[in-house]
Amino acid sequence: MAATDAAVHDTPAGAGHQRTGGISSSLLGMVLFIASEVMFFGGLFGAYFTLRTAAPEWPPPGTPPLEDWYALVLTAILVSSSVTMQLGVYAIRKGNQRVLARYLGVSLLLGLCFLGGQANEYHKLIGEGLTLSSGVFGSTFFTLTGFHGAHVAGGAAFILVVLLRARSGQFTARYHDTVEMCSYYWHFVDVVWLGLVSTIYLLSR
């Protein structure tokens, strides 16, 4: 990835854009990776619906209630981070690295706020008796949200790396595939969360 973005330093003046048509190999690689992740989460969602269909009552009696309003707050935070990420992409497409770095920083901060909010929810639910081993609902809840949280953490690390590179001036309007790749991944974890909120919180009653 670094070689792709840094190639501008070795490109003769007047050379064409790195993508004269179609999608670059690095972006294609990210698309294929996300496709594999879609299948992974599809399997988890499939297991959740299978268990839910087989259960006589869902959530099982005695399950601590999930707070929909709290999930919606987390959703607003993550969706906002996706918006700022895309604004950063628009900025670097115009060659504005300073604005890119600013929006990346905001996206990173919002992502960390989301993770902190999720950790707080875990602490509350565990205190009320909902754990990974407390039953089928607890195991599916923590598995789905836990894997998603791990992906958010990975995405936050990705944003941090891109932010550091942006601050050192490694991206231009022509050469910024890594920024685009990061945005693809961040939008993906956002979409997965929307599916989780709809499935586990809003449609679990």
N, C-alpha and C. Protein backbone atom coordinates (compact mmCIF):
# COMPACT_ATOMS: atom_id res chain seq x y z
N MET A 1 0.83 -1.21 0.00
CA MET A 1 0.00 0.00 0.00
C MET A 1 0.87 1.26 0.00
N ALA A 2 1.93 1.25 0.80
CA ALA A 2 2.78 2.41 0.86
C ALA A 2 3.43 2.66 -0.49
N ALA A 3 3.82 1.56 -1.14
CA ALA A 3 4.46 1.71 -2.44
C ALA A 3 3.52 2.34 -3.45
N THR A 4 2.25 1.99 -3.37
CA THR A 4 1.26 2.54 -4.30
C THR A 4 1.12 4.03 -4.13
N ASP A 5 0.97 4.47 -2.86
CA ASP A 5 0.76 5.89 -2.60
C ASP A 5 2.03 6.70 -2.80
N ALA A 6 3.19 6.09 -2.51
CA ALA A 6 4.43 6.82 -2.60
C ALA A 6 4.97 6.90 -4.02
N ALA A 7 4.31 6.19 -4.93
CA ALA A 7 4.80 6.14 -6.29
C ALA A 7 4.83 7.50 -6.95
N VAL A 8 4.07 8.44 -6.41
CA VAL A 8 4.05 9.77 -6.99
C VAL A 8 5.43 10.41 -7.01
N HIS A 9 6.27 10.04 -6.05
CA HIS A 9 7.60 10.64 -5.98
C HIS A 9 8.49 10.16 -7.12
N ASP A 10 8.16 9.03 -7.73
CA ASP A 10 8.96 8.48 -8.80
C ASP A 10 8.26 8.58 -10.14
N THR A 11 7.10 9.24 -10.16
CA THR A 11 6.33 9.33 -11.39
C THR A 11 6.74 10.56 -12.17
N PRO A 12 7.09 10.43 -13.44
CA PRO A 12 7.49 11.59 -14.23
C PRO A 12 6.37 12.61 -14.31
N ALA A 13 6.75 13.87 -14.43
CA ALA A 13 5.74 14.93 -14.55
C ALA A 13 4.90 14.68 -15.79
N GLY A 14 3.61 14.89 -15.62
CA GLY A 14 2.70 14.71 -16.73
C GLY A 14 2.22 13.30 -16.90
N ALA A 15 2.70 12.37 -16.04
CA ALA A 15 2.23 10.99 -16.14
C ALA A 15 0.78 10.93 -15.75
N GLY A 16 0.08 9.93 -16.25
CA GLY A 16 -1.34 9.82 -15.99
C GLY A 16 -1.65 9.36 -14.59
N HIS A 17 -2.92 9.37 -14.28
CA HIS A 17 -3.42 8.90 -13.00
C HIS A 17 -3.07 7.43 -12.84
N GLN A 18 -2.90 6.99 -11.61
CA GLN A 18 -2.55 5.60 -11.37
C GLN A 18 -3.67 4.65 -11.80
N ARG A 19 -4.92 5.18 -11.90
CA ARG A 19 -6.02 4.34 -12.34
C ARG A 19 -6.62 4.99 -13.58
N THR A 20 -6.16 4.55 -14.73
CA THR A 20 -6.67 5.13 -15.96
C THR A 20 -8.05 4.60 -16.29
N GLY A 21 -8.46 3.53 -15.64
CA GLY A 21 -9.77 2.97 -15.88
C GLY A 21 -10.01 1.80 -14.95
N GLY A 22 -11.25 1.61 -14.54
CA GLY A 22 -11.56 0.50 -13.66
C GLY A 22 -11.08 0.76 -12.24
N ILE A 23 -10.75 -0.33 -11.53
CA ILE A 23 -10.36 -0.26 -10.13
C ILE A 23 -8.94 -0.77 -9.98
N SER A 24 -8.17 -0.15 -9.10
CA SER A 24 -6.78 -0.55 -8.91
C SER A 24 -6.73 -1.90 -8.19
N SER A 25 -5.57 -2.55 -8.28
CA SER A 25 -5.41 -3.87 -7.67
C SER A 25 -5.55 -3.80 -6.15
N SER A 26 -5.06 -2.71 -5.54
CA SER A 26 -5.17 -2.60 -4.08
C SER A 26 -6.61 -2.43 -3.63
N LEU A 27 -7.38 -1.62 -4.35
CA LEU A 27 -8.79 -1.46 -4.01
C LEU A 27 -9.57 -2.74 -4.28
N LEU A 28 -9.23 -3.43 -5.35
CA LEU A 28 -9.88 -4.70 -5.64
C LEU A 28 -9.60 -5.71 -4.53
N GLY A 29 -8.37 -5.71 -4.03
CA GLY A 29 -8.03 -6.59 -2.93
C GLY A 29 -8.87 -6.31 -1.70
N MET A 30 -9.09 -5.03 -1.41
CA MET A 30 -9.92 -4.67 -0.26
C MET A 30 -11.37 -5.10 -0.48
N VAL A 31 -11.87 -4.93 -1.70
CA VAL A 31 -13.24 -5.35 -2.01
C VAL A 31 -13.39 -6.86 -1.80
N LEU A 32 -12.41 -7.63 -2.24
CA LEU A 32 -12.47 -9.08 -2.07
C LEU A 32 -12.38 -9.47 -0.59
N PHE A 33 -11.55 -8.74 0.15
CA PHE A 33 -11.45 -9.00 1.59
C PHE A 33 -12.78 -8.72 2.28
N ILE A 34 -13.40 -7.60 1.93
CA ILE A 34 -14.70 -7.27 2.52
C ILE A 34 -15.74 -8.31 2.14
N ALA A 35 -15.66 -8.81 0.91
CA ALA A 35 -16.60 -9.86 0.48
C ALA A 35 -16.47 -11.09 1.36
N SER A 36 -15.24 -11.46 1.71
CA SER A 36 -15.04 -12.61 2.60
C SER A 36 -15.58 -12.32 4.00
N GLU A 37 -15.45 -11.08 4.45
CA GLU A 37 -16.00 -10.70 5.75
C GLU A 37 -17.53 -10.70 5.73
N VAL A 38 -18.11 -10.33 4.62
CA VAL A 38 -19.57 -10.40 4.48
C VAL A 38 -20.04 -11.84 4.67
N MET A 39 -19.33 -12.79 4.09
CA MET A 39 -19.70 -14.20 4.25
C MET A 39 -19.53 -14.65 5.70
N PHE A 40 -18.48 -14.15 6.35
CA PHE A 40 -18.25 -14.49 7.75
C PHE A 40 -19.40 -14.01 8.63
N PHE A 41 -19.75 -12.74 8.50
CA PHE A 41 -20.85 -12.21 9.30
C PHE A 41 -22.18 -12.80 8.86
N GLY A 42 -22.30 -13.15 7.58
CA GLY A 42 -23.52 -13.81 7.13
C GLY A 42 -23.73 -15.13 7.86
N GLY A 43 -22.63 -15.87 8.08
CA GLY A 43 -22.73 -17.11 8.83
C GLY A 43 -23.17 -16.87 10.27
N LEU A 44 -22.63 -15.81 10.89
CA LEU A 44 -23.02 -15.50 12.26
C LEU A 44 -24.49 -15.10 12.35
N PHE A 45 -24.94 -14.28 11.40
CA PHE A 45 -26.34 -13.89 11.39
C PHE A 45 -27.23 -15.11 11.15
N GLY A 46 -26.79 -16.00 10.26
CA GLY A 46 -27.55 -17.22 10.00
C GLY A 46 -27.70 -18.07 11.25
N ALA A 47 -26.61 -18.22 12.01
CA ALA A 47 -26.67 -18.98 13.26
C ALA A 47 -27.61 -18.32 14.26
N TYR A 48 -27.58 -16.98 14.31
CA TYR A 48 -28.46 -16.26 15.23
C TYR A 48 -29.92 -16.52 14.90
N PHE A 49 -30.28 -16.39 13.62
CA PHE A 49 -31.68 -16.60 13.24
C PHE A 49 -32.11 -18.05 13.41
N THR A 50 -31.19 -18.98 13.22
CA THR A 50 -31.51 -20.40 13.44
C THR A 50 -31.85 -20.65 14.90
N LEU A 51 -31.02 -20.12 15.80
CA LEU A 51 -31.26 -20.30 17.23
C LEU A 51 -32.52 -19.57 17.67
N ARG A 52 -32.74 -18.40 17.11
CA ARG A 52 -33.93 -17.64 17.48
C ARG A 52 -35.20 -18.36 17.03
N THR A 53 -35.19 -18.93 15.84
CA THR A 53 -36.36 -19.65 15.33
C THR A 53 -36.66 -20.88 16.17
N ALA A 54 -35.61 -21.54 16.64
CA ALA A 54 -35.79 -22.78 17.40
C ALA A 54 -36.22 -22.52 18.85
N ALA A 55 -36.01 -21.31 19.33
CA ALA A 55 -36.33 -21.00 20.73
C ALA A 55 -37.83 -20.76 20.88
N PRO A 56 -38.46 -21.28 21.93
CA PRO A 56 -39.89 -21.05 22.15
C PRO A 56 -40.20 -19.60 22.49
N GLU A 57 -39.25 -18.91 23.08
CA GLU A 57 -39.42 -17.50 23.42
C GLU A 57 -38.09 -16.79 23.26
N TRP A 58 -38.12 -15.59 22.67
CA TRP A 58 -36.88 -14.85 22.41
C TRP A 58 -37.05 -13.38 22.73
N PRO A 59 -36.18 -12.82 23.54
CA PRO A 59 -35.11 -13.47 24.31
C PRO A 59 -35.69 -14.39 25.37
N PRO A 60 -34.90 -15.37 25.84
CA PRO A 60 -35.40 -16.29 26.86
C PRO A 60 -35.81 -15.56 28.13
N PRO A 61 -36.75 -16.10 28.89
CA PRO A 61 -37.18 -15.46 30.14
C PRO A 61 -36.00 -15.23 31.08
N GLY A 62 -36.00 -14.10 31.73
CA GLY A 62 -34.93 -13.79 32.67
C GLY A 62 -33.74 -13.08 32.04
N THR A 63 -33.77 -12.88 30.73
CA THR A 63 -32.66 -12.19 30.06
C THR A 63 -32.72 -10.69 30.38
N PRO A 64 -31.62 -10.11 30.83
CA PRO A 64 -31.61 -8.66 31.09
C PRO A 64 -31.99 -7.90 29.83
N PRO A 65 -32.83 -6.90 29.92
CA PRO A 65 -33.27 -6.17 28.72
C PRO A 65 -32.16 -5.34 28.11
N LEU A 66 -32.15 -5.31 26.80
CA LEU A 66 -31.22 -4.45 26.09
C LEU A 66 -31.86 -3.07 25.92
N GLU A 67 -31.07 -2.05 26.05
CA GLU A 67 -31.60 -0.69 25.96
C GLU A 67 -31.46 -0.19 24.52
N ASP A 68 -32.61 -0.10 23.84
CA ASP A 68 -32.60 0.32 22.44
C ASP A 68 -32.02 1.72 22.27
N TRP A 69 -32.36 2.62 23.18
CA TRP A 69 -31.91 4.01 23.04
C TRP A 69 -30.38 4.08 23.07
N TYR A 70 -29.78 3.21 23.90
CA TYR A 70 -28.32 3.22 24.01
C TYR A 70 -27.70 2.73 22.70
N ALA A 71 -28.30 1.69 22.12
CA ALA A 71 -27.81 1.19 20.83
C ALA A 71 -27.94 2.24 19.74
N LEU A 72 -29.01 3.03 19.80
CA LEU A 72 -29.21 4.08 18.80
C LEU A 72 -28.18 5.21 18.96
N VAL A 73 -27.78 5.47 20.20
CA VAL A 73 -26.73 6.46 20.43
C VAL A 73 -25.42 5.97 19.83
N LEU A 74 -25.10 4.70 20.08
CA LEU A 74 -23.89 4.13 19.49
C LEU A 74 -23.97 4.15 17.96
N THR A 75 -25.16 3.90 17.44
CA THR A 75 -25.35 3.94 15.99
C THR A 75 -25.08 5.33 15.45
N ALA A 76 -25.59 6.35 16.12
CA ALA A 76 -25.37 7.73 15.68
C ALA A 76 -23.88 8.06 15.68
N ILE A 77 -23.16 7.57 16.67
CA ILE A 77 -21.71 7.82 16.76
C ILE A 77 -20.99 7.17 15.59
N LEU A 78 -21.33 5.90 15.32
CA LEU A 78 -20.62 5.18 14.26
C LEU A 78 -20.98 5.71 12.87
N VAL A 79 -22.25 6.04 12.67
CA VAL A 79 -22.66 6.60 11.38
C VAL A 79 -21.98 7.95 11.16
N SER A 80 -21.87 8.75 12.21
CA SER A 80 -21.19 10.04 12.10
C SER A 80 -19.73 9.86 11.70
N SER A 81 -19.09 8.83 12.27
CA SER A 81 -17.69 8.57 11.93
C SER A 81 -17.56 8.15 10.48
N SER A 82 -18.55 7.46 9.95
CA SER A 82 -18.54 7.07 8.54
C SER A 82 -18.68 8.30 7.64
N VAL A 83 -19.51 9.25 8.09
CA VAL A 83 -19.68 10.49 7.33
C VAL A 83 -18.38 11.28 7.29
N THR A 84 -17.73 11.44 8.43
CA THR A 84 -16.48 12.20 8.47
C THR A 84 -15.38 11.48 7.68
N MET A 85 -15.40 10.16 7.69
CA MET A 85 -14.44 9.41 6.88
C MET A 85 -14.62 9.74 5.40
N GLN A 86 -15.86 9.76 4.93
CA GLN A 86 -16.10 10.05 3.52
C GLN A 86 -15.75 11.49 3.19
N LEU A 87 -15.97 12.40 4.12
CA LEU A 87 -15.57 13.79 3.89
C LEU A 87 -14.06 13.89 3.73
N GLY A 88 -13.34 13.06 4.49
CA GLY A 88 -11.90 13.02 4.34
C GLY A 88 -11.48 12.52 2.97
N VAL A 89 -12.19 11.53 2.46
CA VAL A 89 -11.92 11.01 1.12
C VAL A 89 -12.14 12.11 0.09
N TYR A 90 -13.25 12.82 0.22
CA TYR A 90 -13.53 13.92 -0.72
C TYR A 90 -12.41 14.96 -0.66
N ALA A 91 -11.90 15.21 0.55
CA ALA A 91 -10.85 16.22 0.70
C ALA A 91 -9.57 15.82 -0.02
N ILE A 92 -9.15 14.56 0.14
CA ILE A 92 -7.89 14.15 -0.50
C ILE A 92 -8.06 14.02 -2.00
N ARG A 93 -9.26 13.76 -2.46
CA ARG A 93 -9.48 13.76 -3.91
C ARG A 93 -9.24 15.13 -4.51
N LYS A 94 -9.35 16.16 -3.66
CA LYS A 94 -9.05 17.52 -4.10
C LYS A 94 -7.63 17.94 -3.71
N GLY A 95 -6.87 16.98 -3.14
CA GLY A 95 -5.49 17.26 -2.78
C GLY A 95 -5.31 17.97 -1.45
N ASN A 96 -6.35 18.01 -0.61
CA ASN A 96 -6.27 18.73 0.66
C ASN A 96 -5.92 17.76 1.79
N GLN A 97 -4.63 17.61 2.07
CA GLN A 97 -4.19 16.67 3.11
C GLN A 97 -4.51 17.16 4.52
N ARG A 98 -4.51 18.48 4.71
CA ARG A 98 -4.81 19.01 6.05
C ARG A 98 -6.24 18.67 6.45
N VAL A 99 -7.18 18.87 5.54
CA VAL A 99 -8.58 18.55 5.84
C VAL A 99 -8.74 17.03 5.99
N LEU A 100 -8.05 16.26 5.16
CA LEU A 100 -8.09 14.81 5.30
C LEU A 100 -7.67 14.39 6.70
N ALA A 101 -6.54 14.92 7.18
CA ALA A 101 -6.05 14.56 8.50
C ALA A 101 -7.05 14.95 9.59
N ARG A 102 -7.69 16.09 9.40
CA ARG A 102 -8.67 16.55 10.38
C ARG A 102 -9.85 15.58 10.47
N TYR A 103 -10.38 15.20 9.31
CA TYR A 103 -11.53 14.29 9.32
C TYR A 103 -11.14 12.88 9.78
N LEU A 104 -9.94 12.45 9.46
CA LEU A 104 -9.48 11.15 9.95
C LEU A 104 -9.40 11.16 11.48
N GLY A 105 -8.91 12.26 12.03
CA GLY A 105 -8.83 12.37 13.48
C GLY A 105 -10.20 12.32 14.13
N VAL A 106 -11.18 13.00 13.53
CA VAL A 106 -12.54 12.96 14.06
C VAL A 106 -13.12 11.55 13.96
N SER A 107 -12.90 10.90 12.83
CA SER A 107 -13.40 9.52 12.64
C SER A 107 -12.80 8.58 13.67
N LEU A 108 -11.50 8.73 13.91
CA LEU A 108 -10.83 7.90 14.91
C LEU A 108 -11.40 8.14 16.30
N LEU A 109 -11.59 9.39 16.64
CA LEU A 109 -12.15 9.73 17.96
C LEU A 109 -13.55 9.14 18.13
N LEU A 110 -14.38 9.27 17.10
CA LEU A 110 -15.73 8.71 17.18
C LEU A 110 -15.70 7.19 17.27
N GLY A 111 -14.79 6.55 16.55
CA GLY A 111 -14.66 5.10 16.63
C GLY A 111 -14.27 4.66 18.03
N LEU A 112 -13.36 5.39 18.66
CA LEU A 112 -12.96 5.05 20.03
C LEU A 112 -14.11 5.29 21.00
N CYS A 113 -14.90 6.33 20.76
CA CYS A 113 -16.09 6.58 21.59
C CYS A 113 -17.07 5.42 21.47
N PHE A 114 -17.24 4.91 20.26
CA PHE A 114 -18.12 3.77 20.06
C PHE A 114 -17.62 2.56 20.86
N LEU A 115 -16.34 2.28 20.78
CA LEU A 115 -15.78 1.14 21.50
C LEU A 115 -15.93 1.33 23.01
N GLY A 116 -15.71 2.55 23.47
CA GLY A 116 -15.89 2.82 24.90
C GLY A 116 -17.34 2.63 25.33
N GLY A 117 -18.27 3.07 24.47
CA GLY A 117 -19.68 2.88 24.78
C GLY A 117 -20.08 1.41 24.79
N GLN A 118 -19.51 0.64 23.88
CA GLN A 118 -19.81 -0.78 23.85
C GLN A 118 -19.24 -1.48 25.08
N ALA A 119 -18.04 -1.09 25.49
CA ALA A 119 -17.44 -1.67 26.70
C ALA A 119 -18.30 -1.34 27.92
N ASN A 120 -18.84 -0.14 27.97
CA ASN A 120 -19.70 0.25 29.09
C ASN A 120 -20.98 -0.59 29.11
N GLU A 121 -21.53 -0.86 27.92
CA GLU A 121 -22.73 -1.70 27.85
C GLU A 121 -22.41 -3.12 28.30
N TYR A 122 -21.27 -3.66 27.89
CA TYR A 122 -20.86 -4.99 28.32
C TYR A 122 -20.76 -5.05 29.85
N HIS A 123 -20.15 -4.04 30.43
CA HIS A 123 -19.99 -4.00 31.89
C HIS A 123 -21.34 -4.03 32.58
N LYS A 124 -22.28 -3.28 32.07
CA LYS A 124 -23.62 -3.22 32.66
C LYS A 124 -24.34 -4.56 32.52
N LEU A 125 -24.31 -5.15 31.32
CA LEU A 125 -25.02 -6.41 31.09
C LEU A 125 -24.41 -7.56 31.87
N ILE A 126 -23.11 -7.60 31.96
CA ILE A 126 -22.45 -8.66 32.73
C ILE A 126 -22.82 -8.53 34.20
N GLY A 127 -22.90 -7.29 34.69
CA GLY A 127 -23.32 -7.08 36.06
C GLY A 127 -24.75 -7.53 36.32
N GLU A 128 -25.57 -7.54 35.28
CA GLU A 128 -26.97 -7.99 35.41
C GLU A 128 -27.13 -9.48 35.14
N GLY A 129 -26.02 -10.15 34.82
CA GLY A 129 -26.08 -11.61 34.67
C GLY A 129 -26.01 -12.13 33.25
N LEU A 130 -25.91 -11.25 32.27
CA LEU A 130 -25.82 -11.70 30.88
C LEU A 130 -24.35 -11.86 30.51
N THR A 131 -23.93 -13.09 30.29
CA THR A 131 -22.54 -13.38 29.95
C THR A 131 -22.49 -14.30 28.74
N LEU A 132 -21.29 -14.56 28.27
CA LEU A 132 -21.11 -15.43 27.11
C LEU A 132 -21.59 -16.85 27.40
N SER A 133 -21.56 -17.24 28.68
CA SER A 133 -21.94 -18.60 29.06
C SER A 133 -23.27 -18.67 29.80
N SER A 134 -24.02 -17.56 29.79
CA SER A 134 -25.27 -17.54 30.55
C SER A 134 -26.44 -18.16 29.80
N GLY A 135 -26.26 -18.48 28.54
CA GLY A 135 -27.34 -19.07 27.75
C GLY A 135 -27.17 -18.74 26.29
N VAL A 136 -28.12 -19.21 25.49
CA VAL A 136 -27.99 -19.06 24.05
C VAL A 136 -28.05 -17.60 23.62
N PHE A 137 -28.87 -16.79 24.29
CA PHE A 137 -28.95 -15.38 23.91
C PHE A 137 -27.64 -14.66 24.24
N GLY A 138 -27.11 -14.92 25.42
CA GLY A 138 -25.86 -14.29 25.80
C GLY A 138 -24.72 -14.66 24.88
N SER A 139 -24.64 -15.94 24.51
CA SER A 139 -23.55 -16.38 23.64
C SER A 139 -23.66 -15.75 22.25
N THR A 140 -24.87 -15.68 21.71
CA THR A 140 -25.02 -15.08 20.38
C THR A 140 -24.81 -13.57 20.44
N PHE A 141 -25.30 -12.93 21.48
CA PHE A 141 -25.14 -11.48 21.61
C PHE A 141 -23.67 -11.09 21.68
N PHE A 142 -22.92 -11.73 22.57
CA PHE A 142 -21.52 -11.37 22.74
C PHE A 142 -20.67 -11.81 21.56
N THR A 143 -21.05 -12.90 20.91
CA THR A 143 -20.29 -13.34 19.74
C THR A 143 -20.45 -12.35 18.59
N LEU A 144 -21.69 -11.99 18.29
CA LEU A 144 -21.94 -11.06 17.19
C LEU A 144 -21.36 -9.67 17.45
N THR A 145 -21.70 -9.11 18.60
CA THR A 145 -21.22 -7.75 18.90
C THR A 145 -19.73 -7.74 19.19
N GLY A 146 -19.21 -8.84 19.76
CA GLY A 146 -17.79 -8.90 20.06
C GLY A 146 -16.94 -8.95 18.80
N PHE A 147 -17.34 -9.78 17.85
CA PHE A 147 -16.60 -9.83 16.58
C PHE A 147 -16.68 -8.49 15.86
N HIS A 148 -17.85 -7.88 15.92
CA HIS A 148 -17.96 -6.56 15.28
C HIS A 148 -17.06 -5.55 15.98
N GLY A 149 -17.06 -5.57 17.30
CA GLY A 149 -16.19 -4.66 18.04
C GLY A 149 -14.72 -4.86 17.70
N ALA A 150 -14.33 -6.12 17.49
CA ALA A 150 -12.95 -6.39 17.10
C ALA A 150 -12.65 -5.78 15.73
N HIS A 151 -13.62 -5.84 14.83
CA HIS A 151 -13.43 -5.23 13.51
C HIS A 151 -13.37 -3.71 13.61
N VAL A 152 -14.15 -3.12 14.50
CA VAL A 152 -14.08 -1.68 14.70
C VAL A 152 -12.70 -1.29 15.24
N ALA A 153 -12.20 -2.08 16.19
CA ALA A 153 -10.87 -1.81 16.73
C ALA A 153 -9.80 -1.91 15.64
N GLY A 154 -9.93 -2.92 14.79
CA GLY A 154 -8.99 -3.05 13.68
C GLY A 154 -9.10 -1.87 12.72
N GLY A 155 -10.34 -1.43 12.47
CA GLY A 155 -10.54 -0.28 11.61
C GLY A 155 -9.96 0.99 12.21
N ALA A 156 -10.09 1.13 13.53
CA ALA A 156 -9.53 2.30 14.20
C ALA A 156 -8.00 2.32 14.08
N ALA A 157 -7.39 1.13 14.19
CA ALA A 157 -5.94 1.05 14.02
C ALA A 157 -5.55 1.42 12.59
N PHE A 158 -6.35 0.99 11.63
CA PHE A 158 -6.12 1.32 10.22
C PHE A 158 -6.20 2.84 10.02
N ILE A 159 -7.22 3.46 10.61
CA ILE A 159 -7.38 4.92 10.50
C ILE A 159 -6.18 5.63 11.10
N LEU A 160 -5.70 5.13 12.24
CA LEU A 160 -4.54 5.75 12.89
C LEU A 160 -3.32 5.73 11.97
N VAL A 161 -3.09 4.59 11.32
CA VAL A 161 -1.95 4.48 10.41
C VAL A 161 -2.11 5.46 9.25
N VAL A 162 -3.32 5.52 8.67
CA VAL A 162 -3.56 6.43 7.56
C VAL A 162 -3.43 7.88 8.02
N LEU A 163 -3.89 8.18 9.22
CA LEU A 163 -3.76 9.53 9.76
C LEU A 163 -2.30 9.94 9.89
N LEU A 164 -1.47 9.05 10.41
CA LEU A 164 -0.05 9.36 10.57
C LEU A 164 0.61 9.58 9.20
N ARG A 165 0.21 8.79 8.23
CA ARG A 165 0.76 8.96 6.89
C ARG A 165 0.27 10.26 6.24
N ALA A 166 -0.98 10.61 6.51
CA ALA A 166 -1.52 11.86 5.96
C ALA A 166 -0.79 13.06 6.55
N ARG A 167 -0.49 13.00 7.84
CA ARG A 167 0.21 14.10 8.49
C ARG A 167 1.64 14.27 7.98
N SER A 168 2.19 13.18 7.44
CA SER A 168 3.55 13.26 6.89
C SER A 168 3.54 13.56 5.39
N GLY A 169 2.35 13.81 4.84
CA GLY A 169 2.25 14.23 3.45
C GLY A 169 2.43 13.14 2.41
N GLN A 170 1.99 11.93 2.72
CA GLN A 170 2.21 10.81 1.80
C GLN A 170 1.10 10.60 0.78
N PHE A 171 0.04 11.38 0.85
CA PHE A 171 -1.07 11.21 -0.08
C PHE A 171 -1.25 12.45 -0.96
N THR A 172 -1.75 12.23 -2.15
CA THR A 172 -2.06 13.34 -3.07
C THR A 172 -3.42 13.08 -3.70
N ALA A 173 -3.87 14.02 -4.50
CA ALA A 173 -5.15 13.85 -5.18
C ALA A 173 -5.11 12.66 -6.12
N ARG A 174 -3.93 12.32 -6.64
CA ARG A 174 -3.81 11.20 -7.56
C ARG A 174 -3.52 9.88 -6.86
N TYR A 175 -2.74 9.96 -5.80
CA TYR A 175 -2.26 8.73 -5.16
C TYR A 175 -2.74 8.66 -3.71
N HIS A 176 -3.87 8.03 -3.52
CA HIS A 176 -4.44 7.92 -2.17
C HIS A 176 -5.27 6.65 -2.02
N ASP A 177 -4.86 5.59 -2.69
CA ASP A 177 -5.62 4.34 -2.62
C ASP A 177 -5.81 3.85 -1.18
N THR A 178 -4.78 4.03 -0.35
CA THR A 178 -4.88 3.55 1.03
C THR A 178 -6.01 4.25 1.78
N VAL A 179 -6.20 5.54 1.49
CA VAL A 179 -7.31 6.27 2.11
C VAL A 179 -8.65 5.68 1.66
N GLU A 180 -8.76 5.40 0.39
CA GLU A 180 -9.99 4.81 -0.14
C GLU A 180 -10.23 3.42 0.47
N MET A 181 -9.17 2.64 0.59
CA MET A 181 -9.29 1.31 1.19
C MET A 181 -9.79 1.40 2.63
N CYS A 182 -9.23 2.34 3.38
CA CYS A 182 -9.64 2.53 4.77
C CYS A 182 -11.12 2.92 4.85
N SER A 183 -11.54 3.78 3.93
CA SER A 183 -12.95 4.20 3.94
C SER A 183 -13.87 3.03 3.60
N TYR A 184 -13.47 2.18 2.65
CA TYR A 184 -14.27 1.01 2.30
C TYR A 184 -14.50 0.15 3.55
N TYR A 185 -13.40 -0.11 4.25
CA TYR A 185 -13.49 -0.98 5.42
C TYR A 185 -14.34 -0.33 6.51
N TRP A 186 -14.16 0.96 6.73
CA TRP A 186 -14.91 1.63 7.80
C TRP A 186 -16.41 1.68 7.48
N HIS A 187 -16.75 1.91 6.23
CA HIS A 187 -18.16 1.87 5.84
C HIS A 187 -18.73 0.46 6.04
N PHE A 188 -17.92 -0.55 5.79
CA PHE A 188 -18.36 -1.93 5.97
C PHE A 188 -18.72 -2.21 7.42
N VAL A 189 -17.86 -1.82 8.37
CA VAL A 189 -18.19 -2.09 9.77
C VAL A 189 -19.40 -1.29 10.21
N ASP A 190 -19.61 -0.15 9.59
CA ASP A 190 -20.80 0.66 9.87
C ASP A 190 -22.06 -0.08 9.43
N VAL A 191 -22.04 -0.62 8.22
CA VAL A 191 -23.20 -1.34 7.69
C VAL A 191 -23.49 -2.59 8.53
N VAL A 192 -22.45 -3.29 8.94
CA VAL A 192 -22.64 -4.47 9.78
C VAL A 192 -23.32 -4.08 11.09
N TRP A 193 -22.90 -2.96 11.66
CA TRP A 193 -23.52 -2.52 12.92
C TRP A 193 -25.00 -2.21 12.73
N LEU A 194 -25.34 -1.59 11.62
CA LEU A 194 -26.75 -1.31 11.35
C LEU A 194 -27.55 -2.62 11.31
N GLY A 195 -26.96 -3.66 10.73
CA GLY A 195 -27.62 -4.97 10.72
C GLY A 195 -27.76 -5.54 12.11
N LEU A 196 -26.72 -5.36 12.94
CA LEU A 196 -26.77 -5.87 14.31
C LEU A 196 -27.83 -5.15 15.14
N VAL A 197 -27.88 -3.84 15.00
CA VAL A 197 -28.87 -3.07 15.77
C VAL A 197 -30.29 -3.49 15.37
N SER A 198 -30.51 -3.63 14.09
CA SER A 198 -31.85 -4.03 13.62
C SER A 198 -32.21 -5.42 14.11
N THR A 199 -31.24 -6.33 14.08
CA THR A 199 -31.51 -7.74 14.40
C THR A 199 -31.60 -8.00 15.90
N ILE A 200 -30.60 -7.53 16.63
CA ILE A 200 -30.50 -7.89 18.06
C ILE A 200 -31.31 -6.96 18.96
N TYR A 201 -31.34 -5.69 18.62
CA TYR A 201 -32.02 -4.73 19.49
C TYR A 201 -33.45 -4.46 19.07
N LEU A 202 -33.64 -3.97 17.86
CA LEU A 202 -34.95 -3.49 17.46
C LEU A 202 -35.94 -4.60 17.10
N LEU A 203 -35.44 -5.72 16.59
CA LEU A 203 -36.33 -6.79 16.15
C LEU A 203 -36.30 -8.02 17.07
N SER A 204 -35.74 -7.86 18.25
CA SER A 204 -35.62 -9.01 19.16
C SER A 204 -36.82 -9.13 20.10
N ARG A 205 -37.76 -8.23 20.00
CA ARG A 205 -38.93 -8.27 20.90
C ARG A 205 -40.00 -9.19 20.34
